[in-house]
Protein backbone atom coordinates (compact mmCIF):
# COMPACT_ATOMS: atom_id res chain seq x y z
CA MET A 1 -11.18 3.25 -29.78
CA ARG A 2 -8.53 1.40 -27.76
CA ALA A 3 -6.39 2.53 -24.86
CA GLU A 4 -3.55 0.30 -23.76
CA ILE A 5 -3.22 -0.15 -20.03
CA ALA A 6 -0.41 -2.04 -18.36
CA THR A 7 -0.61 -3.50 -14.88
CA HIS A 8 2.47 -4.56 -12.98
CA ARG A 9 2.76 -7.34 -10.45
CA LEU A 10 4.50 -6.26 -7.32
CA GLN A 11 7.90 -7.84 -6.96
CA PRO A 12 9.98 -8.05 -3.80
CA GLY A 13 11.43 -4.62 -3.20
CA SER A 14 8.38 -2.91 -4.67
CA ALA A 15 6.42 -0.09 -3.06
CA ARG A 16 4.29 -2.49 -1.02
CA ASP A 17 7.40 -4.01 0.61
CA LYS A 18 8.81 -0.67 1.71
CA GLU A 19 7.82 1.79 4.42
CA ASN A 20 4.19 1.86 5.47
CA VAL A 21 4.57 3.50 8.90
CA ASP A 22 4.52 7.28 9.36
CA GLU A 23 7.59 8.99 10.86
CA ILE A 24 5.86 9.99 14.12
CA GLU A 25 4.57 6.45 14.52
CA GLN A 26 8.11 5.17 13.94
CA TRP A 27 9.45 7.33 16.79
CA ILE A 28 6.64 6.17 19.09
CA SER A 29 7.40 2.55 18.17
CA LEU A 30 11.11 3.06 18.90
CA PHE A 31 10.49 4.68 22.26
CA GLY A 32 7.70 2.30 23.33
CA GLY A 33 9.63 -0.72 22.10
CA GLY A 34 12.74 0.35 24.01
CA VAL A 35 10.79 0.83 27.23
CA LEU A 36 8.97 -2.48 26.80
CA ALA A 37 12.16 -4.39 25.98
CA PHE A 38 14.01 -2.87 28.95
CA TYR A 39 11.14 -3.62 31.33
CA GLY A 40 10.77 -7.16 30.01
CA LEU A 41 14.48 -7.92 30.39
CA SER A 42 14.54 -6.48 33.92
CA ARG A 43 11.82 -8.91 35.10
CA ASN A 44 13.98 -12.05 34.69
CA ASP A 45 11.01 -14.36 34.07
CA LEU A 46 9.18 -15.95 31.10
CA PRO A 47 6.52 -13.22 30.72
CA GLY A 48 9.37 -10.70 30.78
CA VAL A 49 10.99 -12.48 27.84
CA GLY A 50 7.70 -12.17 25.95
CA LEU A 51 7.56 -8.44 26.70
CA ALA A 52 11.17 -8.05 25.57
CA ILE A 53 10.39 -9.83 22.28
CA ALA A 54 7.35 -7.61 21.72
CA GLY A 55 9.52 -4.58 22.45
CA GLY A 56 12.08 -5.81 19.94
CA GLY A 57 9.34 -6.08 17.34
CA LEU A 58 8.33 -2.48 17.98
CA ILE A 59 11.96 -1.37 17.76
CA HIS A 60 12.29 -3.17 14.41
CA ARG A 61 9.08 -1.51 13.20
CA GLY A 62 10.42 1.89 14.23
CA LEU A 63 13.81 1.40 12.60
CA THR A 64 12.56 -0.01 9.29
CA GLY A 65 9.30 1.93 8.95
CA HIS A 66 7.67 -1.32 7.87
CA CYS A 67 4.80 -3.06 9.67
CA ALA A 68 3.88 -6.61 8.59
CA VAL A 69 0.39 -6.25 10.09
CA TYR A 70 -0.22 -3.12 8.02
CA ARG A 71 1.01 -4.96 4.93
CA ALA A 72 -1.36 -7.88 5.56
CA LEU A 73 -4.26 -5.45 5.95
CA HIS A 74 -3.14 -3.33 2.94
CA LEU A 75 -2.82 -0.26 5.17
CA SER A 76 -0.29 2.54 5.31
CA THR A 77 0.06 5.55 7.56
CA LYS A 78 3.06 6.80 5.58
CA ALA A 79 2.30 10.07 3.82
CA HIS A 80 2.55 9.83 0.04
CA GLY A 81 4.09 12.48 -2.13
CA ARG A 82 1.99 14.84 -4.20
CA ALA A 83 2.40 12.63 -7.28
CA ALA A 84 0.67 9.65 -5.63
CA ALA A 85 -3.03 9.56 -6.41
CA VAL A 86 -3.72 6.09 -5.00
CA GLY A 87 -2.06 3.81 -2.49
CA ALA A 88 0.94 1.80 -3.57
CA GLY A 89 -0.01 -1.28 -5.54
CA ARG A 90 -3.66 -0.31 -5.84
CA GLY A 91 -3.69 1.64 -9.07
CA VAL A 92 -3.33 1.06 -12.78
CA LYS A 93 -0.46 2.73 -14.59
CA VAL A 94 -1.48 4.20 -17.92
CA VAL A 95 1.43 3.91 -20.33
CA ARG A 96 -0.37 5.17 -23.41
CA ALA A 97 -3.44 7.31 -24.03
CA THR A 98 -5.65 7.64 -27.10
CA THR A 99 -7.58 10.70 -28.23
CA ILE A 100 -10.98 9.87 -29.72
CA GLN A 101 -12.30 12.36 -32.26
CA LYS A 102 -16.03 11.85 -31.56
CA PRO A 103 -18.68 13.99 -29.89
CA ALA A 104 -18.95 13.61 -26.11
CA GLU A 105 -22.61 12.50 -26.36
CA GLN A 106 -21.69 9.59 -28.64
CA LEU A 107 -18.84 8.46 -26.37
CA TYR A 108 -21.02 8.76 -23.28
CA ALA A 109 -23.68 6.55 -24.90
CA ILE A 110 -21.06 3.87 -25.63
CA TRP A 111 -19.57 4.06 -22.12
CA ARG A 112 -23.01 3.85 -20.46
CA ASP A 113 -23.72 0.51 -22.18
CA PHE A 114 -21.86 -1.93 -19.91
CA ASP A 115 -21.74 -4.54 -22.67
CA ASN A 116 -19.25 -2.28 -24.48
CA LEU A 117 -16.80 -1.99 -21.57
CA PRO A 118 -14.64 -5.03 -22.53
CA ARG A 119 -14.03 -3.38 -25.92
CA PHE A 120 -11.88 -0.67 -24.33
CA MET A 121 -11.16 -2.08 -20.85
CA GLN A 122 -9.40 -5.40 -21.50
CA HIS A 123 -8.32 -5.73 -17.84
CA LEU A 124 -11.99 -5.70 -16.72
CA VAL A 125 -13.05 -9.03 -15.21
CA SER A 126 -16.66 -8.47 -14.19
CA ILE A 127 -19.23 -5.82 -13.31
């Protein structure tokens, strides 16, 4: 009674490093960032430079589809495809499954006893 489960550490260039901003939000960021940058540059003062920098950040967010704040908060507004059941980097990829030829009642009794969980869930840390 053993199922092998593999977890993968996220490397640079993985799903978590890619787009996490929805397309509509990207367009809003581009437009709002452009307006803010233009207004900031037209002011010709220090607060205007700050507004222009903020606008540039929004433009970058709109062009790349990536938001560092969303990444830090583990959020994403980007729609996932039908195949995605959980958010990027938050699931466990099953690479092998095992069929157990036992009655459901017997398996349920084993699974309900939390002391047995480490026998078939090696990645489990605590309950």
